[in-house]
Amino acid sequence: MKGEGYVEPSPFSLTIALPMLKHRICRNGHTVDKMDYRGKCFKCSAEQSKRSRDKLTKLSPWYACLERARLRAKKKELPCDLDCDWARARYTGKCELTGIVFKRANRKGGRCFSPSIDRIYPHLGYVKSNCRFILHGLNALKGSGTDNDMIFIASRLVNHR
């Protein structure tokens, strides 16, 4: 509608040129094809998520273990009464069996020394009196066995060398 007050758009007008551009620049200077639902580019959104995860990990290093244990309990239909208070009181930053300091896993590995919630007697479920924080590698060795089974295997391994 070319009525009174109509101005012919310039080919260099930013409002006209933006839809024709294949890439946009986010507020942090990243060149992007599309933005997420909050108007952030996906790179900025991923960086923000990582910063949030890192902050949560520093404040509550046991939180991810607790959430995974709750999910496993639900999936396996096991009783679970673990909560944040239990984890905060129980988590020392060291394996309860070996005293080895936990190391956070990253994408390149290191999972063996990550914390893991162990069910002392697997059939009892994730209840406060039956759980402890141990190394993921130690928990994998133990599997569904008992502490005695794990110690037997470890002593055979050491003696066989």
N, C-alpha and C. Protein backbone atom coordinates (compact mmCIF):
# COMPACT_ATOMS: atom_id res chain seq x y z
N MET A 1 0.84 -1.17 0.00
CA MET A 1 0.00 0.00 0.00
C MET A 1 0.88 1.23 0.00
N LYS A 2 0.87 1.86 -1.11
CA LYS A 2 1.70 3.05 -1.26
C LYS A 2 0.83 4.27 -1.07
N GLY A 3 0.64 4.62 0.16
CA GLY A 3 -0.18 5.79 0.47
C GLY A 3 0.69 6.92 0.97
N GLU A 4 0.04 7.85 1.62
CA GLU A 4 0.77 8.99 2.13
C GLU A 4 1.69 8.54 3.27
N GLY A 5 2.92 9.01 3.30
CA GLY A 5 3.89 8.67 4.33
C GLY A 5 4.68 7.41 4.01
N TYR A 6 4.38 6.77 2.87
CA TYR A 6 5.11 5.55 2.50
C TYR A 6 6.50 5.93 2.02
N VAL A 7 7.50 5.21 2.52
CA VAL A 7 8.88 5.44 2.10
C VAL A 7 9.36 4.16 1.45
N GLU A 8 9.90 4.27 0.26
CA GLU A 8 10.44 3.11 -0.47
C GLU A 8 11.65 2.59 0.31
N PRO A 9 11.67 1.28 0.66
CA PRO A 9 12.80 0.75 1.43
C PRO A 9 14.08 0.75 0.61
N SER A 10 15.16 1.08 1.29
CA SER A 10 16.46 1.06 0.63
C SER A 10 16.96 -0.38 0.59
N PRO A 11 17.67 -0.79 -0.46
CA PRO A 11 18.23 -2.15 -0.50
C PRO A 11 19.26 -2.37 0.60
N PHE A 12 19.75 -1.30 1.20
CA PHE A 12 20.76 -1.42 2.25
C PHE A 12 20.16 -1.29 3.64
N SER A 13 18.86 -1.23 3.72
CA SER A 13 18.17 -1.09 5.00
C SER A 13 18.38 -2.34 5.83
N LEU A 14 18.74 -2.18 7.09
CA LEU A 14 19.01 -3.30 7.98
C LEU A 14 17.78 -4.17 8.18
N THR A 15 16.61 -3.58 8.28
CA THR A 15 15.40 -4.37 8.51
C THR A 15 15.05 -5.21 7.29
N ILE A 16 15.39 -4.74 6.14
CA ILE A 16 15.13 -5.51 4.92
C ILE A 16 16.23 -6.54 4.70
N ALA A 17 17.48 -6.19 5.03
CA ALA A 17 18.62 -7.06 4.75
C ALA A 17 18.68 -8.25 5.71
N LEU A 18 18.25 -8.09 6.97
CA LEU A 18 18.37 -9.17 7.94
C LEU A 18 17.69 -10.47 7.51
N PRO A 19 16.45 -10.45 7.05
CA PRO A 19 15.85 -11.72 6.66
C PRO A 19 16.57 -12.37 5.48
N MET A 20 17.24 -11.61 4.67
CA MET A 20 17.92 -12.17 3.52
C MET A 20 19.28 -12.76 3.90
N LEU A 21 19.82 -12.32 5.05
CA LEU A 21 21.12 -12.85 5.47
C LEU A 21 20.98 -14.32 5.86
N LYS A 22 21.99 -15.10 5.53
CA LYS A 22 21.98 -16.50 5.91
C LYS A 22 22.40 -16.66 7.37
N HIS A 23 23.29 -15.79 7.85
CA HIS A 23 23.80 -15.87 9.21
C HIS A 23 23.50 -14.58 9.96
N ARG A 24 23.32 -14.71 11.25
CA ARG A 24 23.14 -13.56 12.12
C ARG A 24 24.28 -13.54 13.12
N ILE A 25 24.45 -12.44 13.79
CA ILE A 25 25.48 -12.32 14.81
C ILE A 25 24.77 -12.14 16.14
N CYS A 26 25.10 -13.03 17.10
CA CYS A 26 24.47 -12.92 18.42
C CYS A 26 25.12 -11.79 19.20
N ARG A 27 24.60 -11.54 20.39
CA ARG A 27 25.12 -10.41 21.18
C ARG A 27 26.54 -10.63 21.68
N ASN A 28 27.04 -11.88 21.62
CA ASN A 28 28.42 -12.15 22.02
C ASN A 28 29.35 -12.25 20.81
N GLY A 29 28.83 -11.97 19.63
CA GLY A 29 29.67 -11.94 18.44
C GLY A 29 29.78 -13.24 17.68
N HIS A 30 29.04 -14.27 18.07
CA HIS A 30 29.07 -15.54 17.33
C HIS A 30 28.20 -15.43 16.08
N THR A 31 28.70 -15.97 14.97
CA THR A 31 27.92 -16.01 13.74
C THR A 31 27.07 -17.27 13.79
N VAL A 32 25.75 -17.11 13.65
CA VAL A 32 24.85 -18.26 13.81
C VAL A 32 23.79 -18.30 12.72
N ASP A 33 23.26 -19.51 12.48
CA ASP A 33 22.15 -19.69 11.54
C ASP A 33 20.82 -19.46 12.23
N LYS A 34 20.70 -19.97 13.47
CA LYS A 34 19.43 -19.82 14.19
C LYS A 34 19.70 -19.70 15.67
N MET A 35 18.70 -19.23 16.39
CA MET A 35 18.81 -19.00 17.82
C MET A 35 17.89 -19.97 18.56
N ASP A 36 18.13 -20.14 19.87
CA ASP A 36 17.23 -20.98 20.65
C ASP A 36 15.99 -20.18 21.04
N TYR A 37 15.10 -20.77 21.82
CA TYR A 37 13.82 -20.13 22.14
C TYR A 37 13.98 -18.88 23.00
N ARG A 38 15.16 -18.71 23.64
CA ARG A 38 15.38 -17.53 24.47
C ARG A 38 16.08 -16.41 23.71
N GLY A 39 16.37 -16.64 22.42
CA GLY A 39 17.06 -15.63 21.63
C GLY A 39 18.56 -15.68 21.75
N LYS A 40 19.09 -16.77 22.34
CA LYS A 40 20.54 -16.95 22.44
C LYS A 40 20.98 -17.90 21.33
N CYS A 41 22.20 -17.70 20.86
CA CYS A 41 22.71 -18.67 19.88
C CYS A 41 23.01 -19.96 20.64
N PHE A 42 23.11 -21.06 19.93
CA PHE A 42 23.29 -22.35 20.59
C PHE A 42 24.64 -22.45 21.29
N LYS A 43 25.65 -21.76 20.76
CA LYS A 43 26.97 -21.77 21.40
C LYS A 43 26.90 -21.04 22.75
N CYS A 44 26.26 -19.87 22.77
CA CYS A 44 26.11 -19.13 24.03
C CYS A 44 25.28 -19.93 25.04
N SER A 45 24.24 -20.59 24.55
CA SER A 45 23.38 -21.39 25.41
C SER A 45 24.16 -22.56 26.01
N ALA A 46 25.01 -23.21 25.21
CA ALA A 46 25.82 -24.33 25.70
C ALA A 46 26.85 -23.84 26.72
N GLU A 47 27.44 -22.68 26.46
CA GLU A 47 28.41 -22.12 27.40
C GLU A 47 27.75 -21.79 28.73
N GLN A 48 26.53 -21.23 28.69
CA GLN A 48 25.79 -20.90 29.91
C GLN A 48 25.45 -22.17 30.68
N SER A 49 25.04 -23.22 29.97
CA SER A 49 24.72 -24.50 30.63
C SER A 49 25.95 -25.07 31.31
N LYS A 50 27.10 -25.00 30.65
CA LYS A 50 28.34 -25.53 31.23
C LYS A 50 28.72 -24.74 32.47
N ARG A 51 28.59 -23.41 32.43
CA ARG A 51 28.90 -22.60 33.60
C ARG A 51 27.98 -22.96 34.77
N SER A 52 26.70 -23.17 34.48
CA SER A 52 25.75 -23.55 35.53
C SER A 52 26.09 -24.90 36.12
N ARG A 53 26.42 -25.88 35.24
CA ARG A 53 26.80 -27.22 35.72
C ARG A 53 28.06 -27.16 36.58
N ASP A 54 29.07 -26.39 36.12
CA ASP A 54 30.31 -26.28 36.88
C ASP A 54 30.07 -25.66 38.25
N LYS A 55 29.21 -24.64 38.30
CA LYS A 55 28.90 -23.98 39.57
C LYS A 55 28.19 -24.97 40.51
N LEU A 56 27.22 -25.72 39.97
CA LEU A 56 26.51 -26.70 40.78
C LEU A 56 27.46 -27.79 41.27
N THR A 57 28.38 -28.23 40.41
CA THR A 57 29.33 -29.27 40.77
C THR A 57 30.25 -28.81 41.90
N LYS A 58 30.65 -27.54 41.86
CA LYS A 58 31.51 -27.03 42.94
C LYS A 58 30.74 -26.92 44.25
N LEU A 59 29.50 -26.47 44.18
CA LEU A 59 28.70 -26.32 45.40
C LEU A 59 28.24 -27.67 45.96
N SER A 60 27.86 -28.58 45.06
CA SER A 60 27.31 -29.88 45.47
C SER A 60 27.87 -30.98 44.58
N PRO A 61 29.11 -31.40 44.81
CA PRO A 61 29.73 -32.40 43.93
C PRO A 61 29.03 -33.76 43.94
N TRP A 62 28.21 -33.98 44.92
CA TRP A 62 27.50 -35.25 45.07
C TRP A 62 26.16 -35.26 44.35
N TYR A 63 25.69 -34.11 43.87
CA TYR A 63 24.33 -33.99 43.36
C TYR A 63 24.05 -34.90 42.16
N ALA A 64 24.96 -34.96 41.21
CA ALA A 64 24.74 -35.79 40.02
C ALA A 64 24.65 -37.27 40.41
N CYS A 65 25.50 -37.71 41.34
CA CYS A 65 25.43 -39.10 41.81
C CYS A 65 24.08 -39.39 42.43
N LEU A 66 23.61 -38.47 43.23
CA LEU A 66 22.33 -38.64 43.91
C LEU A 66 21.18 -38.74 42.91
N GLU A 67 21.17 -37.87 41.92
CA GLU A 67 20.10 -37.89 40.92
C GLU A 67 20.14 -39.18 40.10
N ARG A 68 21.35 -39.63 39.72
CA ARG A 68 21.44 -40.89 38.96
C ARG A 68 20.99 -42.07 39.80
N ALA A 69 21.32 -42.07 41.09
CA ALA A 69 20.88 -43.16 41.97
C ALA A 69 19.36 -43.18 42.09
N ARG A 70 18.76 -42.01 42.20
CA ARG A 70 17.29 -41.94 42.28
C ARG A 70 16.65 -42.48 41.00
N LEU A 71 17.22 -42.14 39.85
CA LEU A 71 16.68 -42.64 38.57
C LEU A 71 16.83 -44.16 38.47
N ARG A 72 18.00 -44.68 38.88
CA ARG A 72 18.19 -46.14 38.84
C ARG A 72 17.21 -46.84 39.77
N ALA A 73 17.00 -46.27 40.95
CA ALA A 73 16.05 -46.87 41.90
C ALA A 73 14.65 -46.92 41.31
N LYS A 74 14.26 -45.84 40.67
CA LYS A 74 12.93 -45.80 40.07
C LYS A 74 12.82 -46.82 38.93
N LYS A 75 13.85 -46.88 38.09
CA LYS A 75 13.85 -47.80 36.95
C LYS A 75 13.82 -49.26 37.41
N LYS A 76 14.59 -49.58 38.46
CA LYS A 76 14.68 -50.96 38.95
C LYS A 76 13.62 -51.26 40.01
N GLU A 77 12.79 -50.26 40.31
CA GLU A 77 11.74 -50.40 41.32
C GLU A 77 12.30 -50.82 42.68
N LEU A 78 13.38 -50.12 43.09
CA LEU A 78 14.01 -50.36 44.38
C LEU A 78 13.63 -49.24 45.34
N PRO A 79 13.61 -49.52 46.63
CA PRO A 79 13.33 -48.45 47.59
C PRO A 79 14.46 -47.42 47.57
N CYS A 80 14.11 -46.15 47.76
CA CYS A 80 15.11 -45.08 47.76
C CYS A 80 14.67 -43.98 48.71
N ASP A 81 15.48 -43.74 49.75
CA ASP A 81 15.17 -42.64 50.66
C ASP A 81 16.35 -41.65 50.74
N LEU A 82 17.26 -41.72 49.77
CA LEU A 82 18.41 -40.81 49.76
C LEU A 82 17.93 -39.39 49.46
N ASP A 83 18.50 -38.43 50.17
CA ASP A 83 18.16 -37.04 49.92
C ASP A 83 19.42 -36.18 50.00
N CYS A 84 19.24 -34.90 49.74
CA CYS A 84 20.38 -33.97 49.72
C CYS A 84 21.06 -33.88 51.09
N ASP A 85 20.30 -33.92 52.16
CA ASP A 85 20.89 -33.84 53.50
C ASP A 85 21.80 -35.04 53.76
N TRP A 86 21.34 -36.23 53.37
CA TRP A 86 22.16 -37.43 53.54
C TRP A 86 23.45 -37.30 52.73
N ALA A 87 23.33 -36.90 51.47
CA ALA A 87 24.50 -36.80 50.59
C ALA A 87 25.48 -35.74 51.09
N ARG A 88 24.96 -34.59 51.52
CA ARG A 88 25.82 -33.51 52.03
C ARG A 88 26.59 -33.97 53.26
N ALA A 89 25.93 -34.70 54.14
CA ALA A 89 26.58 -35.18 55.37
C ALA A 89 27.56 -36.32 55.08
N ARG A 90 27.26 -37.15 54.11
CA ARG A 90 28.06 -38.36 53.86
C ARG A 90 29.25 -38.10 52.94
N TYR A 91 29.12 -37.17 52.00
CA TYR A 91 30.16 -36.93 51.00
C TYR A 91 31.35 -36.20 51.62
N THR A 92 32.55 -36.79 51.51
CA THR A 92 33.76 -36.18 52.07
C THR A 92 34.75 -35.78 50.98
N GLY A 93 34.48 -36.18 49.74
CA GLY A 93 35.44 -35.91 48.66
C GLY A 93 36.42 -37.05 48.48
N LYS A 94 36.30 -38.09 49.32
CA LYS A 94 37.18 -39.26 49.24
C LYS A 94 36.33 -40.53 49.24
N CYS A 95 36.89 -41.58 48.66
CA CYS A 95 36.24 -42.90 48.67
C CYS A 95 36.18 -43.40 50.10
N GLU A 96 35.02 -43.89 50.51
CA GLU A 96 34.86 -44.38 51.89
C GLU A 96 35.60 -45.68 52.16
N LEU A 97 35.97 -46.41 51.11
CA LEU A 97 36.68 -47.67 51.31
C LEU A 97 38.20 -47.53 51.16
N THR A 98 38.65 -46.72 50.21
CA THR A 98 40.09 -46.62 49.93
C THR A 98 40.72 -45.33 50.42
N GLY A 99 39.94 -44.29 50.62
CA GLY A 99 40.49 -42.99 51.00
C GLY A 99 41.05 -42.20 49.83
N ILE A 100 40.91 -42.73 48.61
CA ILE A 100 41.40 -42.03 47.42
C ILE A 100 40.48 -40.85 47.12
N VAL A 101 41.09 -39.70 46.79
CA VAL A 101 40.33 -38.49 46.49
C VAL A 101 39.61 -38.66 45.15
N PHE A 102 38.35 -38.27 45.11
CA PHE A 102 37.58 -38.34 43.87
C PHE A 102 38.10 -37.33 42.86
N LYS A 103 38.04 -37.71 41.58
CA LYS A 103 38.35 -36.80 40.48
C LYS A 103 37.14 -36.79 39.57
N ARG A 104 36.73 -35.61 39.17
CA ARG A 104 35.56 -35.51 38.29
C ARG A 104 35.92 -36.00 36.90
N ALA A 105 35.02 -36.76 36.33
CA ALA A 105 35.22 -37.27 34.97
C ALA A 105 35.02 -36.14 33.98
N ASN A 106 35.72 -36.23 32.87
CA ASN A 106 35.48 -35.31 31.76
C ASN A 106 35.29 -36.14 30.50
N ARG A 107 35.13 -35.49 29.40
CA ARG A 107 34.85 -36.21 28.15
C ARG A 107 36.02 -37.09 27.72
N LYS A 108 37.21 -36.82 28.22
CA LYS A 108 38.39 -37.58 27.81
C LYS A 108 38.65 -38.78 28.72
N GLY A 109 37.85 -38.96 29.72
CA GLY A 109 38.03 -40.12 30.60
C GLY A 109 38.13 -39.72 32.05
N GLY A 110 38.74 -40.58 32.87
CA GLY A 110 38.87 -40.30 34.28
C GLY A 110 37.69 -40.78 35.10
N ARG A 111 36.79 -41.50 34.48
CA ARG A 111 35.59 -41.94 35.16
C ARG A 111 35.88 -42.92 36.29
N CYS A 112 36.97 -43.63 36.21
CA CYS A 112 37.34 -44.63 37.20
C CYS A 112 37.45 -44.03 38.61
N PHE A 113 37.88 -42.76 38.68
CA PHE A 113 38.08 -42.10 39.96
C PHE A 113 36.94 -41.16 40.34
N SER A 114 35.85 -41.22 39.61
CA SER A 114 34.67 -40.40 39.91
C SER A 114 33.91 -41.01 41.08
N PRO A 115 33.14 -40.18 41.80
CA PRO A 115 32.33 -40.73 42.88
C PRO A 115 31.13 -41.52 42.36
N SER A 116 30.74 -42.50 43.14
CA SER A 116 29.61 -43.34 42.79
C SER A 116 28.92 -43.76 44.09
N ILE A 117 27.61 -43.87 44.06
CA ILE A 117 26.88 -44.32 45.25
C ILE A 117 26.77 -45.85 45.19
N ASP A 118 27.32 -46.48 46.20
CA ASP A 118 27.35 -47.95 46.27
C ASP A 118 26.26 -48.44 47.21
N ARG A 119 25.56 -49.48 46.77
CA ARG A 119 24.62 -50.18 47.66
C ARG A 119 25.41 -51.30 48.32
N ILE A 120 25.61 -51.25 49.60
CA ILE A 120 26.40 -52.25 50.31
C ILE A 120 25.81 -53.64 50.09
N TYR A 121 24.53 -53.76 50.29
CA TYR A 121 23.80 -55.00 49.97
C TYR A 121 22.83 -54.65 48.85
N PRO A 122 23.14 -55.01 47.60
CA PRO A 122 22.37 -54.55 46.44
C PRO A 122 20.86 -54.80 46.53
N HIS A 123 20.43 -55.87 47.16
CA HIS A 123 19.01 -56.20 47.19
C HIS A 123 18.20 -55.28 48.12
N LEU A 124 18.88 -54.52 49.00
CA LEU A 124 18.17 -53.64 49.93
C LEU A 124 17.79 -52.30 49.31
N GLY A 125 18.37 -51.96 48.17
CA GLY A 125 18.02 -50.70 47.50
C GLY A 125 18.84 -49.52 47.99
N TYR A 126 18.40 -48.35 47.58
CA TYR A 126 19.10 -47.10 47.89
C TYR A 126 18.51 -46.47 49.14
N VAL A 127 18.80 -47.08 50.28
CA VAL A 127 18.37 -46.53 51.55
C VAL A 127 19.60 -46.01 52.30
N LYS A 128 19.40 -45.02 53.14
CA LYS A 128 20.51 -44.33 53.80
C LYS A 128 21.46 -45.27 54.53
N SER A 129 20.93 -46.26 55.19
CA SER A 129 21.77 -47.17 55.97
C SER A 129 22.51 -48.18 55.09
N ASN A 130 22.22 -48.20 53.79
CA ASN A 130 22.80 -49.20 52.89
C ASN A 130 23.68 -48.58 51.80
N CYS A 131 23.92 -47.29 51.85
CA CYS A 131 24.66 -46.63 50.76
C CYS A 131 25.87 -45.87 51.28
N ARG A 132 26.84 -45.70 50.37
CA ARG A 132 28.06 -44.96 50.66
C ARG A 132 28.66 -44.46 49.36
N PHE A 133 29.55 -43.48 49.44
CA PHE A 133 30.25 -42.96 48.27
C PHE A 133 31.58 -43.68 48.11
N ILE A 134 31.76 -44.33 46.96
CA ILE A 134 33.03 -44.98 46.66
C ILE A 134 33.44 -44.65 45.22
N LEU A 135 34.65 -45.04 44.85
CA LEU A 135 35.13 -44.82 43.49
C LEU A 135 34.26 -45.58 42.49
N HIS A 136 34.01 -44.98 41.36
CA HIS A 136 33.22 -45.64 40.32
C HIS A 136 33.90 -46.95 39.88
N GLY A 137 35.22 -46.93 39.74
CA GLY A 137 35.95 -48.13 39.33
C GLY A 137 35.80 -49.25 40.35
N LEU A 138 35.82 -48.91 41.62
CA LEU A 138 35.65 -49.89 42.69
C LEU A 138 34.23 -50.45 42.69
N ASN A 139 33.27 -49.58 42.44
CA ASN A 139 31.88 -50.00 42.38
C ASN A 139 31.65 -50.92 41.18
N ALA A 140 32.32 -50.63 40.07
CA ALA A 140 32.21 -51.49 38.89
C ALA A 140 32.82 -52.86 39.18
N LEU A 141 33.93 -52.90 39.91
CA LEU A 141 34.55 -54.18 40.28
C LEU A 141 33.61 -54.98 41.19
N LYS A 142 32.99 -54.29 42.12
CA LYS A 142 32.09 -54.96 43.05
C LYS A 142 30.85 -55.50 42.34
N GLY A 143 30.33 -54.71 41.40
CA GLY A 143 29.13 -55.14 40.67
C GLY A 143 27.98 -55.42 41.61
N SER A 144 27.37 -56.58 41.46
CA SER A 144 26.24 -56.94 42.33
C SER A 144 26.69 -57.84 43.47
N GLY A 145 28.01 -57.95 43.65
CA GLY A 145 28.55 -58.79 44.72
C GLY A 145 28.60 -58.06 46.04
N THR A 146 29.28 -58.68 46.99
CA THR A 146 29.44 -58.10 48.33
C THR A 146 30.86 -57.55 48.47
N ASP A 147 31.12 -56.91 49.59
CA ASP A 147 32.46 -56.41 49.86
C ASP A 147 33.47 -57.56 49.89
N ASN A 148 33.08 -58.68 50.46
CA ASN A 148 33.99 -59.84 50.53
C ASN A 148 34.32 -60.36 49.13
N ASP A 149 33.34 -60.37 48.23
CA ASP A 149 33.61 -60.79 46.85
C ASP A 149 34.62 -59.85 46.19
N MET A 150 34.44 -58.57 46.41
CA MET A 150 35.32 -57.57 45.82
C MET A 150 36.74 -57.72 46.38
N ILE A 151 36.87 -57.90 47.68
CA ILE A 151 38.19 -58.05 48.31
C ILE A 151 38.87 -59.33 47.83
N PHE A 152 38.09 -60.39 47.67
CA PHE A 152 38.64 -61.65 47.16
C PHE A 152 39.22 -61.46 45.76
N ILE A 153 38.46 -60.81 44.88
CA ILE A 153 38.93 -60.59 43.50
C ILE A 153 40.17 -59.69 43.51
N ALA A 154 40.15 -58.62 44.31
CA ALA A 154 41.29 -57.69 44.35
C ALA A 154 42.52 -58.37 44.89
N SER A 155 42.39 -59.21 45.92
CA SER A 155 43.58 -59.90 46.49
C SER A 155 44.13 -60.90 45.49
N ARG A 156 43.28 -61.59 44.77
CA ARG A 156 43.75 -62.51 43.73
C ARG A 156 44.48 -61.75 42.62
N LEU A 157 43.95 -60.59 42.28
CA LEU A 157 44.58 -59.77 41.26
C LEU A 157 45.99 -59.35 41.70
N VAL A 158 46.12 -58.89 42.93
CA VAL A 158 47.41 -58.45 43.45
C VAL A 158 48.38 -59.64 43.57
N ASN A 159 47.93 -60.77 44.09
CA ASN A 159 48.79 -61.94 44.28
C ASN A 159 49.18 -62.60 42.95
N HIS A 160 48.37 -62.45 41.94
CA HIS A 160 48.63 -63.09 40.64
C HIS A 160 49.69 -62.35 39.86
N ARG A 161 49.93 -61.09 40.18
CA ARG A 161 50.90 -60.28 39.44
C ARG A 161 52.24 -60.78 39.76
